[in-house]
Amino acid sequence: MPIVVNLDVMLAKRKMSLKELSEKVGITMSNLSILKKGKAKAIRFSTLQAICEALECQPGEILEYRKD
């Protein structure tokens, strides 16, 4: 998949657990896990914004494009 989700990297950099992010953002752990594993088909801008606010990062630090 050419879009890579680096959520696990940002969580490690911020020393934050998936559970803590889930509570801050208001998204279920299972949905965050799907996103973290790169299995999500889409993400709402409002969700991306909430994640970026919680992790104090830019969208480009979470989502990355890689050529196949």
Protein backbone atom coordinates (compact mmCIF):
# COMPACT_ATOMS: atom_id res chain seq x y z
CA MET A 1 0.00 0.00 0.00
CA PRO A 2 1.54 3.34 -1.00
CA ILE A 3 0.12 5.24 2.00
CA VAL A 4 1.92 4.28 5.22
CA VAL A 5 0.53 5.17 8.64
CA ASN A 6 3.27 6.05 11.14
CA LEU A 7 0.98 6.31 14.15
CA ASP A 8 3.05 3.84 16.15
CA VAL A 9 6.17 5.94 15.55
CA MET A 10 4.45 9.11 16.77
CA LEU A 11 3.05 7.31 19.81
CA ALA A 12 6.55 6.13 20.71
CA LYS A 13 8.04 9.61 20.20
CA ARG A 14 5.38 11.13 22.48
CA LYS A 15 5.62 8.24 24.96
CA MET A 16 1.87 7.77 24.72
CA SER A 17 -0.09 4.53 24.72
CA LEU A 18 -2.81 3.68 22.24
CA LYS A 19 -5.26 3.65 25.16
CA GLU A 20 -4.26 7.16 26.22
CA LEU A 21 -4.63 8.44 22.65
CA SER A 22 -8.01 6.73 22.40
CA GLU A 23 -9.21 8.53 25.51
CA LYS A 24 -7.86 11.93 24.38
CA VAL A 25 -9.30 11.67 20.87
CA GLY A 26 -12.55 9.87 21.67
CA ILE A 27 -11.98 7.02 19.21
CA THR A 28 -12.27 3.36 20.12
CA MET A 29 -9.10 1.37 20.63
CA SER A 30 -10.14 -1.02 17.86
CA ASN A 31 -10.52 1.80 15.31
CA LEU A 32 -7.16 3.28 16.29
CA SER A 33 -5.59 -0.15 16.03
CA ILE A 34 -7.00 -0.59 12.52
CA LEU A 35 -5.54 2.78 11.57
CA LYS A 36 -2.19 2.01 13.21
CA LYS A 37 -1.89 -1.28 11.33
CA GLY A 38 -2.59 0.44 8.01
CA LYS A 39 -5.82 -1.52 7.49
CA ALA A 40 -8.11 1.54 7.41
CA LYS A 41 -9.69 2.39 4.06
CA ALA A 42 -10.23 6.06 4.96
CA ILE A 43 -9.81 8.61 7.74
CA ARG A 44 -11.93 11.66 8.39
CA PHE A 45 -10.16 15.00 8.51
CA SER A 46 -11.77 15.64 11.90
CA THR A 47 -10.25 12.40 13.21
CA LEU A 48 -6.85 13.25 11.74
CA GLN A 49 -7.08 16.72 13.28
CA ALA A 50 -7.92 15.28 16.71
CA ILE A 51 -5.00 12.84 16.52
CA CYS A 52 -2.63 15.63 15.46
CA GLU A 53 -3.82 17.83 18.32
CA ALA A 54 -3.36 15.03 20.86
CA LEU A 55 0.11 14.11 19.55
CA GLU A 56 1.12 17.72 18.80
CA CYS A 57 2.21 16.84 15.28
CA GLN A 58 1.47 17.50 11.62
CA PRO A 59 -0.54 15.13 9.39
CA GLY A 60 2.60 14.45 7.36
CA GLU A 61 4.23 12.97 10.44
CA ILE A 62 1.47 10.36 10.61
CA LEU A 63 0.73 9.70 6.93
CA GLU A 64 3.48 9.01 4.41
CA TYR A 65 3.36 8.22 0.69
CA ARG A 66 5.75 5.54 -0.60
CA LYS A 67 5.98 4.41 -4.20
CA ASP A 68 5.48 0.69 -4.73
